[in-house]
Amino acid sequence: MNKSLLKFITDFGPLLIFFIIYYKSGKNLGAAIPPLIIATIIAVALIYYIEKKIPYVPLIGGSLVSIFGGLSLYFNNPVFLYIKPTIVNLIFAITLLISNNFLNKNLLKILFKGAFEMNDNGWKKLNYRWVYFFIFLALLNELVWRTQSESVWVNFKVWGILPLTFIFTALQMPLISKHKV
């Protein structure tokens, strides 16, 4: 299987299943959470089966989906699921900040090693841009779930965050080109 297709399926398949079941069940979050958790666990297992390793991001994401989805079901309170994107994005932002500022390791450079080469200044700028973007996504998620209906939040989670991430990533191409070695 093509690695790009596998990554796409494992990244967005569980989210799509969640979206479909949410609407097929009459906007029932409780009915959509268990398939989300199961699909996420299957996606992580599939990555492991094919690549013989589990990248950190899917592992962390799968763990947090299981924890926060489980808490939402156990306490019958969707807030746990609503705050998961906020917490995930803040974890990513903090991890990038700490690794760059205190450990002198640029995690983006390590993660994207081989994908493209840039000078250290470019990696530093890209790192900070991702930190700001993750904080922006966390704040935006908080704004949406606190001010909008559940179905608006579900649509934002599925159809808002992904395009924003693609647009942000595309907007980084001039920086990458400028600092290419």
Foldseek 3Di string as FASTA:
>chain_A
DDPVVLCCCLVQVLLVQLLVQCVVVPNDNLRSLVSSLVSLVVSQVVCCVVVVDGDPVSVVVSVQSCVLSVVCNVVVNCVSVLQSLLVSLQVLLVVQCCCVPPVVDRVVCVVCPPVFAFDPVLSVVVSVLSSVVSNVRNVVSVVDVVPHDPNSSSCCVNPNPVVVVVVSVVVSVVSRVVGGD
